[in-house]
């Protein structure tokens, strides 16, 4: 299975968990994947909402998010910039 197919499977799992349990069983990896999914699909508010939930492993995400092409369409968004600043704190 290539990386794209693996990512699609992870997104499907996260979306199914999200629908079934209304976010109560999601973990940070799911938040990150869903944020990327919604960003790619132009649902920027949903993407931002999931990015806000990343706080436990923020040292990991502060390095990943700015380099991840999934978030390219958020890079100029003020709320996105604030989220990154909060992860740096």
Protein backbone atom coordinates (compact mmCIF):
# COMPACT_ATOMS: atom_id res chain seq x y z
CA UNK A 1 0.00 0.00 0.00
CA UNK A 2 1.46 3.37 -0.98
CA UNK A 3 1.44 6.47 1.21
CA UNK A 4 -1.61 8.01 -0.47
CA UNK A 5 -3.67 4.87 -0.06
CA UNK A 6 -2.57 4.57 3.57
CA UNK A 7 -3.55 8.19 4.19
CA UNK A 8 -6.96 7.59 2.61
CA UNK A 9 -7.52 4.61 4.89
CA UNK A 10 -6.55 6.66 7.95
CA UNK A 11 -8.95 9.43 6.91
CA UNK A 12 -11.77 6.93 6.39
CA UNK A 13 -11.18 5.52 9.87
CA UNK A 14 -11.11 8.99 11.42
CA UNK A 15 -14.27 10.05 9.60
CA UNK A 16 -16.08 6.88 10.65
CA UNK A 17 -15.05 7.37 14.28
CA UNK A 18 -16.05 11.02 14.07
CA UNK A 19 -19.51 10.18 12.73
CA UNK A 20 -20.10 7.28 15.06
CA UNK A 21 -18.90 8.81 18.31
CA UNK A 22 -19.21 12.55 17.75
CA UNK A 23 -15.49 13.25 18.36
CA UNK A 24 -15.36 11.44 21.71
CA UNK A 25 -13.02 8.67 20.50
CA UNK A 26 -10.67 10.69 18.31
CA UNK A 27 -7.00 10.97 19.12
CA UNK A 28 -4.60 13.71 18.06
CA UNK A 29 -3.51 11.83 14.95
CA UNK A 30 -7.15 11.81 13.88
CA UNK A 31 -7.45 15.56 14.49
CA UNK A 32 -4.36 16.18 12.37
CA UNK A 33 -5.57 13.92 9.55
CA UNK A 34 -9.06 15.40 9.57
CA UNK A 35 -7.64 18.93 9.55
CA UNK A 36 -5.61 18.05 6.47
CA UNK A 37 -8.59 16.36 4.81
CA UNK A 38 -10.88 19.34 5.35
CA UNK A 39 -8.19 21.80 4.27
CA UNK A 40 -7.60 19.93 1.00
CA UNK A 41 -11.35 19.88 0.38
CA UNK A 42 -11.74 23.62 0.99
CA UNK A 43 -13.62 23.27 4.28
CA UNK A 44 -11.31 25.68 6.04
CA UNK A 45 -13.39 26.30 9.18
CA UNK A 46 -13.53 22.57 9.91
CA UNK A 47 -9.79 22.29 9.24
CA UNK A 48 -9.05 25.11 11.67
CA UNK A 49 -11.32 23.60 14.32
CA UNK A 50 -9.40 20.32 14.21
CA UNK A 51 -6.02 22.09 14.27
CA UNK A 52 -7.09 23.87 17.46
CA UNK A 53 -7.43 20.49 19.18
CA UNK A 54 -3.74 19.66 18.79
CA UNK A 55 -2.17 20.37 22.14
CA UNK A 56 -0.77 17.22 23.73
CA UNK A 57 2.02 16.59 21.22
CA UNK A 58 2.39 20.17 20.14
CA UNK A 59 6.17 19.93 19.72
CA UNK A 60 5.60 17.37 16.97
CA UNK A 61 2.85 19.30 15.24
CA UNK A 62 4.52 22.70 15.34
CA UNK A 63 7.21 21.22 13.09
CA UNK A 64 4.86 19.26 10.82
CA UNK A 65 2.05 21.69 10.12
CA UNK A 66 4.02 24.52 8.44
CA UNK A 67 5.69 22.02 6.09
CA UNK A 68 2.60 19.96 5.28
CA UNK A 69 1.26 20.79 1.79
CA UNK A 70 -2.24 19.87 2.98
CA UNK A 71 -2.37 23.21 4.79
CA UNK A 72 -1.06 25.44 2.00
CA UNK A 73 -4.46 27.10 1.52
CA UNK A 74 -4.53 28.09 5.21
CA UNK A 75 -1.08 29.68 5.41
CA UNK A 76 -2.33 33.28 5.10
CA UNK A 77 -5.32 32.78 7.40
CA UNK A 78 -5.08 34.79 10.64
CA UNK A 79 -6.66 32.04 12.71
CA UNK A 80 -4.20 29.49 11.30
CA UNK A 81 -1.31 31.75 12.27
CA UNK A 82 -2.73 32.11 15.80
CA UNK A 83 -3.07 28.34 16.12
CA UNK A 84 0.60 27.92 15.21
CA UNK A 85 1.57 30.61 17.71
CA UNK A 86 -0.41 28.83 20.44
CA UNK A 87 1.36 25.57 19.63
CA UNK A 88 4.69 27.34 20.09
CA UNK A 89 3.77 28.46 23.65
